[in-house]
Amino acid sequence: MQFNRRTLLKGIGAAGATLAYSGFASASTGVAQYIVGARGNRARSRVENAGFTVRHELAEGEVLVVTGPEDAVSDLERVQNVRSVSRDVTFELELPELEKEADTFEEQGSLEELQWDNDIQDVASAHELTTGDNTRIAIIDTGIDLDHPDLKNVNEEAGAAFVLDDDVPERGPDDPSGHGTHVAGIAAATGDEGVVGVAPDAELIPIRVFPEDGGAAFGDILAGIDYAADVGADVANFSLGIPGVQEPEADLNQLRAEVQTVFQSVTQRGTVITGSAGNDTGNLQQGGGFTLPNSVPAVITVSATSPADTLSFYSNFGTSDIDVAAPGGWYETVERTLGEAGEDGDIPFPFNGVLSTYPTDLESSVELPGYDFLSGTSMAAPQVAGLVALVRALEPDNNANQVESLIKQGAELVNGQNDPAFGAGRINAFDTVNNISN
C-alpha cells in the first residue's frame, strides 16, 4: 500500500488513553458491583445464599466479582468465608489532544516506513529469527476491529466481552471506539495491507471490557485478564490504568491485594502480563505512590519513549515500578513534539506518534482510513506484549519470570535494571531473540 503524505488542514489529536474515575460500578437496573476477596471453596455458595449474584469467579475462586443492592458492603463482610469487600469503580477512557497543523510530506512510501518504533527496536531483524507463530496475545481493551485487513489473525471465536452494563452486546469482542484496535496492531498487525506488528504471526484474542459509551468496571478488567489465562494466552496486555499516582493511604489501596491475587494466578497459569505505566508524568517511587492495576509485582510495567530514545513527556516513571521502556510516541517535551524546539532530523508531529491499525469505520485523524497515529504508554505496553510472543515462539516452556528476564537482558540504553525512567532499558526485539537463538 502506498501513502501519499500531505498537509492536513485541521488540528490533529493524538493520544494515549488514560482512565478517568467516573463513579461506582452499577448496572442500569440499579444493581451495584463489588470485588470480594474469598477464603475457601464455600465462599461462592455462601455469597449467593446471602442474595448476591457472582458474575465472575477469578483466581480459582480467591476473588469474586459480585452484584447486589447498593450500600451492601457491610452485608457482604458478614458472610462467612469473605475476607474483604470493595465497592467496584468504573473508569472512562480519556483522549487528551495536541493540536497543530501537520507538516507536509511530498514523497511516497509504504506505511511501514512510518513505523519508526519498529526501526528503533530492530523488529525487522528479529523477524528473520521469529515472527511469533503458534503464540497467543490477548488484548484486554475496547475490543478489536474484526474486519481490519491487517488483523486477519484475530480469533473472534476465542474472544469475549466482559461488560457490566453493555450497551452493544451484539458486538461481542468487536471494537466500537478504536483504542483496542490500535493496541492490537502494535503487538501483532500482519502487514498484509499497511502496518506490521512486533509479532505478526501471533494470534490475537480480543477481550472487550468497555461499552460503546461509558466506563469499564474494574472487576471486568480483572475478569478479562483472568480469562486470558483460561484460553491459554502467552501474554495478556492491558493498556489501561487508574489515573494519577495514588497515595499509600488512598481508598483504592484496598484493591491491591485482590489485583495481586488475580495477577499471580494468571502468571502461574503461564500467561505473562504487560501493562502501561500511565500518562500522568508521575513519580511512582516518591512517597510510596502507586497505580492500578500495574503497580503489582506480577506485571511487566512499561514506560514510554520517544523517537529520540528519551522518556516521553507524559510517561510515569519510578524505580520501584518501571520494568522496561518501549516506544510510545512524542518527545520529552511538548515543544519538541510540536516542532517548536528540537533537533535536525526530528520526526514532525503527528508522525512522531505511533502508527497502527484503527477501525475502518471510524474517522482517522490523518485521513487514512484504517490507520492512525496515537501516543501514550498505551502504545508502549503492546510493544512488549509482541516481544513476549517472539520469546515464547522460541522458548514456549519458559515461565513468566523467565520471559521477563530474557526481555530485560535484551534491553538497551541503561546499565542495570533499576533506571527510574527505563527500568532495565528500552526493549530491543532483535537483541532479545538473538540472545535466545545463540
Protein backbone atom coordinates (compact mmCIF):
# COMPACT_ATOMS: atom_id res chain seq x y z
CA MET A 1 0.00 0.00 0.00
CA GLN A 2 1.28 3.47 -0.90
CA PHE A 3 0.64 6.53 1.22
CA ASN A 4 0.97 9.98 -0.31
CA ARG A 5 1.70 12.13 2.75
CA ARG A 6 0.35 15.64 2.60
CA THR A 7 -0.58 18.66 4.69
CA LEU A 8 -3.68 18.28 6.82
CA LEU A 9 -5.60 21.49 7.30
CA LYS A 10 -7.02 20.72 10.71
CA GLY A 11 -5.90 20.14 14.26
CA ILE A 12 -4.84 16.56 14.82
CA GLY A 13 -5.49 14.77 18.07
CA ALA A 14 -3.02 12.12 19.09
CA ALA A 15 -3.49 10.48 22.39
CA GLY A 16 -2.52 7.80 24.80
CA ALA A 17 -5.58 6.63 26.66
CA THR A 18 -5.82 7.03 30.37
CA LEU A 19 -8.71 6.17 32.63
CA ALA A 20 -10.70 8.76 34.48
CA TYR A 21 -12.65 7.77 37.60
CA SER A 22 -16.32 8.05 36.79
CA GLY A 23 -18.09 6.60 39.82
CA PHE A 24 -19.09 3.34 41.41
CA ALA A 25 -19.85 0.38 39.15
CA SER A 26 -23.58 -0.13 38.76
CA ALA A 27 -25.81 -1.52 36.04
CA SER A 28 -28.75 0.39 34.56
CA THR A 29 -31.02 -1.94 36.54
CA GLY A 30 -29.67 -0.39 39.74
CA VAL A 31 -27.57 -3.29 41.00
CA ALA A 32 -24.13 -2.44 42.36
CA GLN A 33 -20.90 -4.36 41.74
CA TYR A 34 -18.39 -5.42 44.41
CA ILE A 35 -14.96 -7.08 44.37
CA VAL A 36 -14.77 -9.72 47.08
CA GLY A 37 -11.73 -11.47 48.48
CA ALA A 38 -12.76 -15.05 49.26
CA ARG A 39 -11.42 -17.67 51.65
CA GLY A 40 -12.15 -21.33 51.00
CA ASN A 41 -14.18 -23.15 48.35
CA ARG A 42 -17.54 -22.45 50.00
CA ALA A 43 -17.32 -18.67 49.66
CA ARG A 44 -19.21 -18.52 46.37
CA SER A 45 -22.17 -20.55 47.55
CA ARG A 46 -22.41 -18.57 50.79
CA VAL A 47 -22.31 -15.25 48.93
CA GLU A 48 -25.07 -16.48 46.60
CA ASN A 49 -27.12 -17.79 49.53
CA ALA A 50 -26.90 -14.29 51.01
CA GLY A 51 -28.78 -12.98 47.96
CA PHE A 52 -25.89 -11.75 45.78
CA THR A 53 -25.02 -12.76 42.21
CA VAL A 54 -21.49 -13.87 41.37
CA ARG A 55 -20.65 -12.57 37.87
CA HIS A 56 -17.01 -13.66 37.80
CA GLU A 57 -15.04 -16.19 39.80
CA LEU A 58 -11.36 -15.30 39.44
CA ALA A 59 -8.02 -16.69 40.55
CA GLU A 60 -9.55 -20.13 41.01
CA GLY A 61 -12.16 -18.77 43.39
CA GLU A 62 -9.99 -16.48 45.55
CA VAL A 63 -11.59 -13.32 44.10
CA LEU A 64 -15.27 -12.90 43.25
CA VAL A 65 -16.94 -10.10 41.28
CA VAL A 66 -20.40 -9.80 42.79
CA THR A 67 -23.56 -7.78 42.12
CA GLY A 68 -26.27 -6.90 44.57
CA PRO A 69 -28.03 -4.00 46.27
CA GLU A 70 -26.42 -0.60 46.73
CA ASP A 71 -24.67 0.05 50.06
CA ALA A 72 -24.25 -3.65 50.83
CA VAL A 73 -20.55 -3.72 51.76
CA SER A 74 -21.29 -4.49 55.41
CA ASP A 75 -23.77 -7.23 54.41
CA LEU A 76 -21.10 -8.93 52.31
CA GLU A 77 -18.49 -8.55 55.01
CA ARG A 78 -20.70 -10.55 57.38
CA VAL A 79 -20.84 -13.54 55.00
CA GLN A 80 -18.72 -16.44 56.19
CA ASN A 81 -15.57 -17.09 54.07
CA VAL A 82 -15.47 -13.47 52.85
CA ARG A 83 -12.18 -11.81 53.86
CA SER A 84 -12.53 -8.41 52.12
CA VAL A 85 -15.07 -6.33 50.20
CA SER A 86 -14.50 -3.32 47.95
CA ARG A 87 -17.12 -1.35 46.06
CA ASP A 88 -16.18 -1.67 42.40
CA VAL A 89 -15.49 1.50 40.44
CA THR A 90 -15.73 2.49 36.79
CA PHE A 91 -13.31 4.38 34.60
CA GLU A 92 -13.76 6.08 31.26
CA LEU A 93 -11.17 6.44 28.52
CA GLU A 94 -9.85 9.97 28.14
CA LEU A 95 -8.02 11.02 24.98
CA PRO A 96 -6.00 14.21 25.55
CA GLU A 97 -5.14 16.07 22.39
CA LEU A 98 -2.32 18.10 20.95
CA GLU A 99 -3.43 20.32 18.10
CA LYS A 100 -1.25 21.59 15.31
CA GLU A 101 -1.38 21.70 11.55
CA ALA A 102 0.68 18.78 10.30
CA ASP A 103 3.85 19.23 8.25
CA THR A 104 3.94 18.46 4.55
CA PHE A 105 5.35 15.20 3.22
CA GLU A 106 5.63 15.00 -0.54
CA GLU A 107 7.38 11.70 -1.22
CA GLN A 108 5.57 8.38 -1.42
CA GLY A 109 6.38 5.36 0.64
CA SER A 110 4.86 2.35 2.34
CA LEU A 111 3.18 2.69 5.72
CA GLU A 112 5.90 0.52 7.22
CA GLU A 113 8.37 3.33 6.50
CA LEU A 114 6.44 5.45 9.01
CA GLN A 115 6.85 2.87 11.76
CA TRP A 116 9.86 4.42 13.46
CA ASP A 117 9.01 2.40 16.55
CA ASN A 118 9.77 -0.84 14.70
CA ASP A 119 13.02 0.57 13.39
CA ILE A 120 14.22 1.65 16.82
CA GLN A 121 13.56 -1.82 18.24
CA ASP A 122 15.15 -3.69 15.28
CA VAL A 123 11.89 -5.54 14.68
CA ALA A 124 12.62 -6.40 11.04
CA SER A 125 15.87 -8.10 12.04
CA ALA A 126 14.05 -10.00 14.77
CA HIS A 127 11.58 -11.30 12.19
CA GLU A 128 14.42 -13.12 10.46
CA LEU A 129 14.55 -15.32 13.57
CA THR A 130 10.89 -15.49 14.60
CA THR A 131 7.55 -13.83 13.86
CA GLY A 132 5.65 -15.18 16.86
CA ASP A 133 3.96 -18.15 15.21
CA ASN A 134 1.99 -20.53 17.45
CA THR A 135 1.56 -17.90 20.17
CA ARG A 136 -1.49 -16.05 21.51
CA ILE A 137 -1.75 -12.39 22.54
CA ALA A 138 -4.83 -11.33 24.50
CA ILE A 139 -5.81 -7.66 24.27
CA ILE A 140 -7.93 -6.52 27.25
CA ASP A 141 -9.31 -3.24 26.00
CA THR A 142 -12.15 -1.79 23.91
CA GLY A 143 -12.14 -4.84 21.61
CA ILE A 144 -10.51 -5.28 18.20
CA ASP A 145 -11.87 -4.41 14.74
CA LEU A 146 -12.81 -7.87 13.45
CA ASP A 147 -12.78 -6.79 9.79
CA HIS A 148 -9.45 -4.97 9.58
CA PRO A 149 -7.27 -6.18 6.68
CA ASP A 150 -4.12 -6.13 8.83
CA LEU A 151 -5.78 -8.04 11.68
CA LYS A 152 -6.86 -11.26 10.00
CA ASN A 153 -5.05 -13.10 12.79
CA VAL A 154 -7.82 -12.21 15.27
CA ASN A 155 -9.54 -15.26 16.76
CA GLU A 156 -13.09 -13.99 17.12
CA GLU A 157 -14.36 -17.32 18.42
CA ALA A 158 -11.96 -17.21 21.38
CA GLY A 159 -12.77 -13.55 22.03
CA ALA A 160 -15.08 -12.37 24.77
CA ALA A 161 -16.81 -9.33 26.25
CA PHE A 162 -16.95 -8.63 29.99
CA VAL A 163 -19.09 -5.52 30.38
CA LEU A 164 -21.32 -4.90 33.40
CA ASP A 165 -23.81 -2.67 31.63
CA ASP A 166 -23.21 -3.43 27.96
CA ASP A 167 -24.86 -1.06 25.52
CA VAL A 168 -23.64 -3.02 22.47
CA PRO A 169 -23.84 -6.72 23.45
CA GLU A 170 -24.34 -7.70 19.83
CA ARG A 171 -20.80 -6.50 19.07
CA GLY A 172 -19.19 -9.21 21.16
CA PRO A 173 -15.42 -8.53 21.15
CA ASP A 174 -15.59 -6.09 18.20
CA ASP A 175 -14.21 -2.58 18.80
CA PRO A 176 -16.63 0.37 18.84
CA SER A 177 -14.10 3.07 19.72
CA GLY A 178 -10.60 2.36 18.37
CA HIS A 179 -8.18 2.13 21.28
CA GLY A 180 -8.02 -1.67 21.40
CA THR A 181 -7.57 -1.95 17.64
CA HIS A 182 -4.60 0.41 17.75
CA VAL A 183 -3.04 -1.52 20.63
CA ALA A 184 -3.60 -4.85 18.85
CA GLY A 185 -1.91 -3.66 15.68
CA ILE A 186 1.21 -2.60 17.54
CA ALA A 187 1.51 -6.06 19.04
CA ALA A 188 0.62 -8.19 16.04
CA ALA A 189 -0.60 -6.50 12.84
CA THR A 190 0.10 -8.84 9.92
CA GLY A 191 1.32 -6.26 7.40
CA ASP A 192 -0.96 -7.67 4.71
CA GLU A 193 -2.13 -4.18 3.74
CA GLY A 194 -0.36 -1.46 5.71
CA VAL A 195 1.45 -1.85 9.03
CA VAL A 196 3.27 -4.74 10.68
CA GLY A 197 3.30 -5.51 14.39
CA VAL A 198 6.08 -6.85 16.58
CA ALA A 199 4.71 -10.42 16.31
CA PRO A 200 2.78 -10.56 13.00
CA ASP A 201 2.19 -14.34 13.09
CA ALA A 202 0.80 -14.40 16.62
CA GLU A 203 -2.90 -14.98 17.17
CA LEU A 204 -4.86 -12.09 18.69
CA ILE A 205 -7.58 -12.71 21.28
CA PRO A 206 -9.97 -9.72 21.58
CA ILE A 207 -11.37 -9.15 25.08
CA ARG A 208 -13.70 -6.15 25.33
CA VAL A 209 -14.23 -4.61 28.78
CA PHE A 210 -15.73 -1.27 27.69
CA PRO A 211 -19.24 -0.44 26.50
CA GLU A 212 -19.56 1.77 23.46
CA ASP A 213 -20.50 4.70 25.68
CA GLY A 214 -19.34 4.87 29.27
CA GLY A 215 -16.79 3.33 31.57
CA ALA A 216 -15.29 -0.06 32.29
CA ALA A 217 -15.80 -1.66 35.68
CA PHE A 218 -12.54 -2.59 37.36
CA GLY A 219 -13.87 -6.06 38.13
CA ASP A 220 -14.48 -6.65 34.42
CA ILE A 221 -10.89 -5.67 33.60
CA LEU A 222 -9.74 -8.28 36.12
CA ALA A 223 -12.15 -10.81 34.60
CA GLY A 224 -10.70 -10.17 31.15
CA ILE A 225 -7.16 -10.79 32.36
CA ASP A 226 -8.21 -13.96 34.17
CA TYR A 227 -9.98 -15.17 31.02
CA ALA A 228 -6.79 -14.67 29.02
CA ALA A 229 -5.13 -17.33 31.16
CA ASP A 230 -8.13 -19.63 30.76
CA VAL A 231 -7.74 -19.59 26.97
CA GLY A 232 -4.01 -20.18 27.13
CA ALA A 233 -2.76 -16.76 26.07
CA ASP A 234 1.01 -16.42 26.13
CA VAL A 235 0.62 -12.79 27.09
CA ALA A 236 -2.23 -10.53 28.18
CA ASN A 237 -1.87 -6.82 27.51
CA PHE A 238 -3.85 -4.14 29.31
CA SER A 239 -3.11 -0.60 28.21
CA LEU A 240 -5.39 0.65 30.97
CA GLY A 241 -4.80 2.00 34.43
CA ILE A 242 -6.25 4.10 37.20
CA PRO A 243 -5.27 7.73 36.56
CA GLY A 244 -2.88 9.66 38.73
CA VAL A 245 -0.44 8.46 41.33
CA GLN A 246 -2.35 7.16 44.34
CA GLU A 247 -1.13 7.80 47.87
CA PRO A 248 -0.48 4.74 50.06
CA GLU A 249 -3.50 5.55 52.22
CA ALA A 250 -5.86 6.00 49.23
CA ASP A 251 -9.17 4.13 49.26
CA LEU A 252 -8.12 2.26 46.11
CA ASN A 253 -5.26 0.73 48.06
CA GLN A 254 -7.62 -1.91 49.43
CA LEU A 255 -8.00 -3.33 45.91
CA ARG A 256 -4.28 -4.01 45.57
CA ALA A 257 -4.41 -7.35 47.35
CA GLU A 258 -7.18 -8.65 45.08
CA VAL A 259 -5.40 -7.35 41.97
CA GLN A 260 -2.24 -9.11 43.02
CA THR A 261 -4.11 -12.33 43.76
CA VAL A 262 -5.64 -12.37 40.27
CA PHE A 263 -2.41 -11.44 38.52
CA GLN A 264 -0.32 -14.01 40.37
CA SER A 265 -2.85 -16.68 39.47
CA VAL A 266 -2.69 -15.64 35.81
CA THR A 267 1.11 -15.75 35.65
CA GLN A 268 1.21 -19.09 37.50
CA ARG A 269 -1.06 -20.48 34.78
CA GLY A 270 1.52 -19.40 32.20
CA THR A 271 0.29 -16.05 30.91
CA VAL A 272 2.69 -13.09 31.02
CA ILE A 273 1.02 -9.74 31.78
CA THR A 274 2.14 -6.45 30.20
CA GLY A 275 0.77 -3.12 31.37
CA SER A 276 1.16 0.59 30.67
CA ALA A 277 2.81 2.74 33.33
CA GLY A 278 0.36 5.62 32.93
CA ASN A 279 0.39 9.07 31.35
CA ASP A 280 0.47 11.40 34.35
CA THR A 281 4.17 12.37 34.38
CA GLY A 282 4.04 10.86 37.84
CA ASN A 283 6.81 9.61 40.10
CA LEU A 284 5.73 6.14 41.21
CA GLN A 285 8.65 5.96 43.60
CA GLN A 286 8.02 9.10 45.61
CA GLY A 287 6.25 8.53 48.90
CA GLY A 288 5.11 5.00 48.11
CA GLY A 289 2.77 6.13 45.33
CA PHE A 290 1.11 3.52 43.14
CA THR A 291 -1.19 2.98 40.19
CA LEU A 292 -3.51 0.07 39.49
CA PRO A 293 -3.53 -2.47 38.11
CA ASN A 294 0.13 -2.12 37.07
CA SER A 295 1.78 -1.49 40.47
CA VAL A 296 1.88 -5.15 41.41
CA PRO A 297 4.90 -7.45 41.01
CA ALA A 298 3.22 -9.83 38.54
CA VAL A 299 3.05 -7.20 35.75
CA ILE A 300 5.75 -6.10 33.31
CA THR A 301 5.15 -2.36 33.67
CA VAL A 302 6.21 -0.31 30.65
CA SER A 303 7.13 3.37 30.36
CA ALA A 304 7.01 5.24 27.05
CA THR A 305 9.92 6.50 24.94
CA SER A 306 10.26 8.92 22.06
CA PRO A 307 11.83 8.61 18.60
CA ALA A 308 14.96 10.10 20.22
CA ASP A 309 15.10 7.40 22.92
CA THR A 310 14.12 9.88 25.63
CA LEU A 311 11.32 9.41 28.14
CA SER A 312 8.13 10.77 26.60
CA PHE A 313 6.90 13.84 28.47
CA TYR A 314 3.66 12.26 29.70
CA SER A 315 5.06 8.94 30.92
CA ASN A 316 5.05 7.90 34.56
CA PHE A 317 8.37 6.74 35.97
CA GLY A 318 9.84 5.28 39.15
CA THR A 319 12.50 2.75 40.10
CA SER A 320 10.12 0.53 42.04
CA ASP A 321 7.56 0.22 39.23
CA ILE A 322 9.08 0.51 35.75
CA ASP A 323 10.40 -2.80 34.42
CA VAL A 324 11.26 -1.79 30.85
CA ALA A 325 10.58 1.02 28.40
CA ALA A 326 9.24 0.87 24.84
CA PRO A 327 8.31 3.33 22.08
CA GLY A 328 5.09 5.14 22.91
CA GLY A 329 5.41 8.26 20.79
CA TRP A 330 6.01 12.01 21.10
CA TYR A 331 9.15 13.55 22.58
CA GLU A 332 10.35 14.51 26.05
CA THR A 333 8.67 17.93 25.82
CA VAL A 334 5.51 19.24 24.23
CA GLU A 335 7.59 21.87 22.39
CA ARG A 336 9.79 19.27 20.72
CA THR A 337 6.76 17.12 19.95
CA LEU A 338 5.12 20.01 18.10
CA GLY A 339 8.33 21.06 16.34
CA GLU A 340 8.71 24.30 18.30
CA ALA A 341 12.08 23.07 19.58
CA GLY A 342 14.28 20.07 18.98
CA GLU A 343 17.00 18.83 16.70
CA ASP A 344 17.58 18.34 12.99
CA GLY A 345 16.09 15.07 11.87
CA ASP A 346 13.26 15.05 14.40
CA ILE A 347 10.11 13.37 13.16
CA PRO A 348 7.39 16.03 12.90
CA PHE A 349 4.01 15.89 14.58
CA PRO A 350 1.81 13.85 14.24
CA PHE A 351 4.15 11.30 12.66
CA ASN A 352 6.20 11.14 15.86
CA GLY A 353 3.27 9.24 17.33
CA VAL A 354 2.94 5.50 16.84
CA LEU A 355 1.25 4.40 13.62
CA SER A 356 -1.03 1.40 13.93
CA THR A 357 -4.33 -0.08 12.90
CA TYR A 358 -7.59 1.75 13.58
CA PRO A 359 -11.21 0.67 12.95
CA THR A 360 -12.05 1.08 9.30
CA ASP A 361 -15.47 2.54 10.13
CA LEU A 362 -14.08 5.33 12.34
CA GLU A 363 -12.54 8.61 11.19
CA SER A 364 -8.75 8.67 11.11
CA SER A 365 -7.17 11.90 12.38
CA VAL A 366 -4.71 11.75 9.47
CA GLU A 367 -7.41 10.98 6.89
CA LEU A 368 -6.08 7.49 6.28
CA PRO A 369 -8.94 5.01 6.76
CA GLY A 370 -7.95 2.07 8.90
CA TYR A 371 -4.82 3.67 10.42
CA ASP A 372 -3.89 6.42 12.83
CA PHE A 373 -1.08 7.90 14.93
CA LEU A 374 -1.62 7.76 18.69
CA SER A 375 0.78 8.19 21.59
CA GLY A 376 0.93 7.08 25.20
CA THR A 377 2.12 4.37 27.50
CA SER A 378 -0.89 2.59 26.00
CA MET A 379 1.20 2.26 22.85
CA ALA A 380 4.34 1.19 24.71
CA ALA A 381 2.90 -1.82 26.55
CA PRO A 382 1.83 -3.79 23.42
CA GLN A 383 5.35 -3.42 22.00
CA VAL A 384 6.44 -5.58 24.94
CA ALA A 385 3.44 -7.91 24.52
CA GLY A 386 4.55 -8.56 20.95
CA LEU A 387 8.08 -9.22 22.16
CA VAL A 388 6.76 -11.72 24.71
CA ALA A 389 5.17 -13.59 21.79
CA LEU A 390 8.51 -13.64 19.94
CA VAL A 391 10.23 -15.03 23.04
CA ARG A 392 7.52 -17.64 23.62
CA ALA A 393 7.73 -18.76 19.98
CA LEU A 394 11.36 -19.68 20.60
CA GLU A 395 11.04 -20.78 24.24
CA PRO A 396 7.42 -21.96 24.68
CA ASP A 397 8.05 -23.61 28.04
CA ASN A 398 9.55 -20.57 29.78
CA ASN A 399 7.53 -19.30 32.72
CA ALA A 400 6.54 -15.65 33.13
CA ASN A 401 9.58 -14.76 35.23
CA GLN A 402 11.95 -16.35 32.71
CA VAL A 403 10.33 -14.46 29.82
CA GLU A 404 10.59 -11.16 31.67
CA SER A 405 14.24 -11.84 32.49
CA LEU A 406 15.07 -12.51 28.82
CA ILE A 407 13.37 -9.28 27.75
CA LYS A 408 15.28 -7.29 30.35
CA GLN A 409 18.56 -8.89 29.28
CA GLY A 410 17.91 -7.82 25.69
CA ALA A 411 17.05 -4.22 26.59
CA GLU A 412 19.48 -1.37 25.95
CA LEU A 413 20.44 2.22 26.87
CA VAL A 414 20.95 1.73 30.63
CA ASN A 415 23.20 -0.21 32.96
CA GLY A 416 21.50 -2.47 35.46
CA GLN A 417 17.75 -2.89 35.84
CA ASN A 418 16.64 -0.01 38.06
CA ASP A 419 16.72 3.13 35.96
CA PRO A 420 13.77 5.26 37.14
CA ALA A 421 12.73 6.12 33.59
CA PHE A 422 13.57 2.97 31.63
CA GLY A 423 13.82 0.17 34.22
CA ALA A 424 16.11 -2.41 32.63
CA GLY A 425 16.17 -0.35 29.42
CA ARG A 426 14.31 0.28 26.20
CA ILE A 427 13.45 -3.08 24.65
CA ASN A 428 15.25 -4.35 21.56
CA ALA A 429 13.42 -7.14 19.76
CA PHE A 430 16.40 -8.41 17.77
CA ASP A 431 18.84 -8.45 20.68
CA THR A 432 16.31 -10.34 22.79
CA VAL A 433 15.56 -13.12 20.30
CA ASN A 434 19.13 -13.26 19.07
CA ASN A 435 20.32 -13.93 22.63
CA ILE A 436 17.92 -16.87 22.76
CA SER A 437 18.87 -18.22 19.33
CA ASN A 438 22.57 -18.19 20.21
